[in-house]
Amino acid sequence: VIPTNVSVTRNFGEYLTITCDSTASNSKPTFFWTRNNVTVNNTWTGHIIRHGYDKSYLILTEEAYQPQTVEYGCTAINTAGTSSAQIQIIVRSSNGWIESNR
């Protein structure tokens, strides 16, 4: 599992997409997203999850913005095994945020 967008800046009001890539195996994975170790799903305000064959996307809208540090995680499970990665999002203020790898 490889989180992309490892270092990116977004202005307030812009969406931020975190990509979870699991292309190391020919077996289709099942993806799970977490926020501070709690499972995220599409019913969460400000969080949109989309899946491709070997990728999953977590899209954060401005409704997900809060002045805090948040850790998002992605886990991919398939016949080759399980792999996880985490990324830390630092929300600075209503002027924007910085995403940084841990």
Protein backbone atom coordinates (compact mmCIF):
# COMPACT_ATOMS: atom_id res chain seq x y z
CA VAL A 1 0.00 0.00 0.00
CA ILE A 2 1.46 3.32 -1.03
CA PRO A 3 -0.17 6.61 -0.03
CA THR A 4 0.42 9.21 -2.72
CA ASN A 5 0.20 13.00 -2.34
CA VAL A 6 2.83 12.71 0.37
CA SER A 7 3.42 16.47 0.56
CA VAL A 8 0.85 18.86 -0.80
CA THR A 9 -0.70 22.19 0.11
CA ARG A 10 -4.37 23.00 -0.39
CA ASN A 11 -6.25 26.24 0.06
CA PHE A 12 -9.29 26.32 2.28
CA GLY A 13 -12.33 25.19 0.31
CA GLU A 14 -10.35 22.93 -2.00
CA TYR A 15 -10.76 19.17 -1.87
CA LEU A 16 -7.83 16.98 -0.89
CA THR A 17 -7.56 13.47 -2.34
CA ILE A 18 -5.44 10.81 -0.68
CA THR A 19 -4.70 7.86 -2.96
CA CYS A 20 -4.00 4.37 -1.68
CA ASP A 21 -2.25 2.26 -4.33
CA SER A 22 -1.98 -1.53 -4.17
CA THR A 23 -0.48 -2.53 -7.51
CA ALA A 24 2.09 -5.04 -6.21
CA SER A 25 -0.22 -8.04 -6.70
CA ASN A 26 -2.56 -9.27 -9.42
CA SER A 27 -5.25 -10.02 -6.83
CA LYS A 28 -7.91 -7.32 -6.35
CA PRO A 29 -7.65 -5.85 -2.84
CA THR A 30 -10.32 -4.77 -0.40
CA PHE A 31 -9.54 -1.33 1.05
CA PHE A 32 -10.30 0.14 4.48
CA TRP A 33 -9.73 3.75 5.57
CA THR A 34 -9.29 5.02 9.13
CA ARG A 35 -9.12 8.45 10.76
CA ASN A 36 -7.28 8.42 14.10
CA ASN A 37 -7.75 4.61 14.16
CA VAL A 38 -11.54 4.78 13.64
CA THR A 39 -12.99 3.28 10.45
CA VAL A 40 -14.13 5.90 7.93
CA ASN A 41 -17.04 5.34 5.55
CA ASN A 42 -19.05 7.41 3.08
CA THR A 43 -21.55 8.47 5.75
CA TRP A 44 -18.93 10.66 7.45
CA THR A 45 -19.40 14.36 6.77
CA GLY A 46 -16.65 15.67 4.51
CA HIS A 47 -15.31 12.22 3.56
CA ILE A 48 -15.90 10.60 0.16
CA ILE A 49 -14.44 7.17 -0.62
CA ARG A 50 -14.06 5.87 -4.18
CA HIS A 51 -12.50 2.59 -5.30
CA GLY A 52 -10.79 1.51 -8.50
CA TYR A 53 -9.48 -1.97 -9.26
CA ASP A 54 -6.13 -1.56 -7.46
CA LYS A 55 -6.55 1.92 -5.92
CA SER A 56 -8.78 3.60 -3.37
CA TYR A 57 -9.32 7.32 -2.97
CA LEU A 58 -10.28 9.24 0.16
CA ILE A 59 -11.54 12.69 -0.79
CA LEU A 60 -11.71 15.28 1.97
CA THR A 61 -14.01 18.23 1.44
CA GLU A 62 -13.94 21.49 3.38
CA GLU A 63 -16.45 19.94 5.79
CA ALA A 64 -13.64 17.68 7.04
CA TYR A 65 -11.46 20.68 7.96
CA GLN A 66 -10.88 21.25 11.65
CA PRO A 67 -7.89 22.94 13.28
CA GLN A 68 -6.10 19.81 14.44
CA THR A 69 -3.67 17.07 13.47
CA VAL A 70 -5.34 13.97 12.06
CA GLU A 71 -3.86 10.64 11.02
CA TYR A 72 -5.47 8.80 8.12
CA GLY A 73 -4.67 5.19 7.36
CA CYS A 74 -5.31 2.87 4.46
CA THR A 75 -5.26 -0.93 4.64
CA ALA A 76 -5.37 -3.19 1.60
CA ILE A 77 -6.17 -6.89 1.95
CA ASN A 78 -5.94 -9.51 -0.82
CA THR A 79 -4.68 -13.04 -1.40
CA ALA A 80 -1.07 -11.79 -1.15
CA GLY A 81 -1.68 -10.51 2.40
CA THR A 82 -2.35 -7.26 4.23
CA SER A 83 -0.54 -3.95 3.94
CA SER A 84 -1.15 -0.63 5.66
CA ALA A 85 0.12 2.94 5.44
CA GLN A 86 -0.60 6.09 7.42
CA ILE A 87 -0.41 9.76 6.58
CA GLN A 88 -0.70 12.75 8.89
CA ILE A 89 -2.80 15.76 7.96
CA ILE A 90 -2.11 19.01 9.77
CA VAL A 91 -4.93 21.53 9.52
CA ARG A 92 -3.39 24.91 10.20
CA SER A 93 -6.31 27.29 9.94
CA SER A 94 -9.16 28.35 7.70
CA ASN A 95 -6.47 29.61 5.29
CA GLY A 96 -5.43 26.08 4.28
CA TRP A 97 -3.69 22.95 5.44
CA ILE A 98 -0.53 20.99 4.94
CA GLU A 99 -0.39 17.23 4.47
CA SER A 100 2.80 15.57 5.61
CA ASN A 101 3.99 11.98 5.70
CA ARG A 102 4.81 10.52 9.11
